Amino acid sequence: MTGIRPADARDGPALTALDVATWSPRVSPAPAPDPASSFFGGGHRPEDVLVAERGGRVVGYLMLHQPVPLPSHGHVLEVNGLAVDPGHQGRGVGRRLVEEAKREARRRGARKLSLRVLAPNASARRLYESCGFVVEGVLRDEFALEGRPVDDLLMACAL
């Protein structure tokens, strides 16, 4: 059984390893993560990360944040990262993380949960759509990945 819990600082190495294991230009426009980097550096806080565990092992995470730090935008939270260990993909871990993120966002007072996903990432798009997210906008040719233009989709769901 997969359990979902808030992260703590001790999860950092396992979360960095997940980022390294799951990164590809099909899922992230950012450069490949440095295996020696600190997951909770650069403004990432443990309290903004949900961790999926199976058998005592971290197998996934989802990060939430407020994308626009203004009181007038306080009702919106954003999924700012989702990763599931390749050996555990297709087993409902991502769905559990997204559904728990929706509950956590509601608990924090959010009325909307948004995210960005690369258009070619069909499996992530299907997951988000099945969890109630809809496309609210398309940023055409937003990234140049592997020498080709790639659209970035803005998706959201009402909470």
Protein backbone atom coordinates (compact mmCIF):
# COMPACT_ATOMS: atom_id res chain seq x y z
CA MET A 1 0.00 0.00 0.00
CA THR A 2 1.20 3.50 -0.83
CA GLY A 3 1.05 6.06 1.94
CA ILE A 4 1.16 9.83 1.44
CA ARG A 5 2.73 12.08 4.06
CA PRO A 6 4.33 15.51 4.38
CA ALA A 7 8.04 15.53 3.59
CA ASP A 8 10.72 16.28 6.13
CA ALA A 9 14.30 17.40 5.63
CA ARG A 10 15.59 13.81 5.87
CA ASP A 11 13.75 12.99 2.61
CA GLY A 12 16.03 15.31 0.63
CA PRO A 13 18.47 12.69 -0.74
CA ALA A 14 15.64 10.34 -1.79
CA LEU A 15 13.81 13.20 -3.51
CA THR A 16 16.95 14.28 -5.35
CA ALA A 17 17.43 10.67 -6.49
CA LEU A 18 13.82 10.65 -7.78
CA ASP A 19 14.46 13.83 -9.75
CA VAL A 20 17.55 12.29 -11.32
CA ALA A 21 15.74 9.02 -12.12
CA THR A 22 12.72 10.69 -13.71
CA TRP A 23 14.22 13.64 -15.57
CA SER A 24 14.04 13.84 -19.34
CA PRO A 25 13.50 16.70 -21.77
CA ARG A 26 10.04 15.24 -22.45
CA VAL A 27 8.93 16.03 -18.91
CA SER A 28 10.98 19.07 -17.89
CA PRO A 29 12.37 22.10 -19.70
CA ALA A 30 14.90 22.57 -16.87
CA PRO A 31 18.42 21.19 -17.14
CA ALA A 32 19.02 17.70 -15.77
CA PRO A 33 19.26 17.79 -11.98
CA ASP A 34 22.64 17.50 -10.32
CA PRO A 35 22.73 14.25 -8.28
CA ALA A 36 24.84 16.04 -5.65
CA SER A 37 22.41 18.95 -5.23
CA SER A 38 20.25 19.52 -2.18
CA PHE A 39 16.56 19.03 -2.93
CA PHE A 40 15.51 21.52 -0.27
CA GLY A 41 17.89 24.23 -1.45
CA GLY A 42 16.73 27.06 -3.67
CA GLY A 43 13.52 27.86 -1.82
CA HIS A 44 11.97 24.38 -1.74
CA ARG A 45 10.57 23.72 1.73
CA PRO A 46 9.70 20.31 3.21
CA GLU A 47 6.26 21.56 4.26
CA ASP A 48 5.39 22.16 0.60
CA VAL A 49 6.17 18.60 -0.49
CA LEU A 50 3.97 15.52 -0.24
CA VAL A 51 5.84 12.21 -0.29
CA ALA A 52 4.55 8.84 -1.45
CA GLU A 53 6.00 5.85 0.39
CA ARG A 54 5.68 2.18 -0.32
CA GLY A 55 7.34 -0.35 1.95
CA GLY A 56 9.18 2.42 3.80
CA ARG A 57 10.75 3.70 0.57
CA VAL A 58 10.07 7.08 -1.05
CA VAL A 59 8.53 6.33 -4.46
CA GLY A 60 7.10 9.72 -5.42
CA TYR A 61 6.52 13.33 -4.51
CA LEU A 62 4.43 16.35 -5.39
CA MET A 63 5.44 19.93 -4.59
CA LEU A 64 2.97 22.76 -4.01
CA HIS A 65 3.68 26.47 -3.93
CA GLN A 66 2.01 29.84 -4.31
CA PRO A 67 3.13 31.01 -7.76
CA VAL A 68 2.34 34.70 -7.27
CA PRO A 69 3.12 35.85 -3.72
CA LEU A 70 0.40 38.50 -3.53
CA PRO A 71 -2.63 38.54 -1.24
CA SER A 72 -4.90 38.89 -4.29
CA HIS A 73 -3.55 35.57 -5.60
CA GLY A 74 -3.57 33.71 -2.30
CA HIS A 75 -6.52 31.53 -3.35
CA VAL A 76 -4.34 29.79 -5.99
CA LEU A 77 -1.73 27.12 -5.38
CA GLU A 78 0.35 25.46 -8.06
CA VAL A 79 1.76 21.97 -8.51
CA ASN A 80 5.42 22.77 -8.98
CA GLY A 81 6.76 19.27 -9.46
CA LEU A 82 5.53 15.69 -9.56
CA ALA A 83 7.76 12.65 -9.85
CA VAL A 84 7.11 8.92 -9.46
CA ASP A 85 9.84 6.31 -9.41
CA PRO A 86 9.88 4.58 -12.84
CA GLY A 87 9.40 1.19 -11.17
CA HIS A 88 6.18 2.42 -9.52
CA GLN A 89 4.62 4.32 -12.41
CA GLY A 90 1.23 3.11 -13.60
CA ARG A 91 0.28 1.91 -10.09
CA GLY A 92 -1.77 4.89 -8.95
CA VAL A 93 1.01 6.69 -7.05
CA GLY A 94 0.72 9.86 -9.15
CA ARG A 95 -3.07 9.87 -8.78
CA ARG A 96 -2.81 9.49 -4.99
CA LEU A 97 -0.35 12.40 -4.86
CA VAL A 98 -2.55 14.65 -7.00
CA GLU A 99 -5.70 13.86 -5.01
CA GLU A 100 -3.87 14.47 -1.72
CA ALA A 101 -2.49 17.74 -3.13
CA LYS A 102 -6.05 18.84 -3.88
CA ARG A 103 -7.05 18.10 -0.28
CA GLU A 104 -3.97 19.92 1.06
CA ALA A 105 -4.63 22.93 -1.17
CA ARG A 106 -8.22 23.11 0.12
CA ARG A 107 -6.92 22.82 3.69
CA ARG A 108 -4.65 25.82 3.01
CA GLY A 109 -7.62 27.83 1.76
CA ALA A 110 -6.99 27.56 -1.97
CA ARG A 111 -9.92 27.58 -4.37
CA LYS A 112 -7.87 26.75 -7.46
CA LEU A 113 -4.96 24.39 -8.13
CA SER A 114 -2.95 25.06 -11.27
CA LEU A 115 0.02 23.51 -13.02
CA ARG A 116 2.08 23.60 -16.18
CA VAL A 117 2.81 20.52 -18.27
CA LEU A 118 4.69 20.08 -21.54
CA ALA A 119 2.33 19.22 -24.40
CA PRO A 120 4.23 16.04 -25.42
CA ASN A 121 3.93 14.61 -21.89
CA ALA A 122 0.76 12.67 -22.73
CA SER A 123 0.81 10.40 -19.67
CA ALA A 124 0.96 13.37 -17.27
CA ARG A 125 -1.77 15.18 -19.19
CA ARG A 126 -4.04 12.11 -18.97
CA LEU A 127 -3.41 11.86 -15.23
CA TYR A 128 -4.21 15.52 -14.63
CA GLU A 129 -7.33 15.40 -16.82
CA SER A 130 -8.57 12.29 -14.99
CA CYS A 131 -8.13 14.22 -11.71
CA GLY A 132 -10.33 17.08 -12.93
CA PHE A 133 -7.79 19.47 -14.45
CA VAL A 134 -8.64 21.28 -17.68
CA VAL A 135 -6.45 23.19 -20.12
CA GLU A 136 -6.82 26.91 -19.48
CA GLY A 137 -4.16 28.08 -21.89
CA VAL A 138 -1.41 27.11 -24.28
CA LEU A 139 1.94 28.84 -24.46
CA ARG A 140 2.90 28.03 -28.05
CA ASP A 141 6.54 27.18 -28.73
CA GLU A 142 7.39 28.15 -25.14
CA PHE A 143 10.47 25.93 -25.01
CA ALA A 144 13.04 24.65 -27.47
CA LEU A 145 13.77 21.08 -26.41
CA GLU A 146 16.01 18.74 -28.36
CA GLY A 147 16.02 21.29 -31.16
CA ARG A 148 12.22 21.44 -31.49
CA PRO A 149 9.62 23.93 -30.28
CA VAL A 150 7.40 22.59 -27.51
CA ASP A 151 4.12 24.00 -26.20
CA ASP A 152 3.57 24.46 -22.48
CA LEU A 153 0.01 23.81 -21.28
CA LEU A 154 -1.54 25.69 -18.39
CA MET A 155 -4.00 23.44 -16.55
CA ALA A 156 -6.11 23.98 -13.47
CA CYS A 157 -8.95 22.59 -11.42
CA ALA A 158 -11.42 24.32 -9.13
CA LEU A 159 -11.33 23.09 -5.56
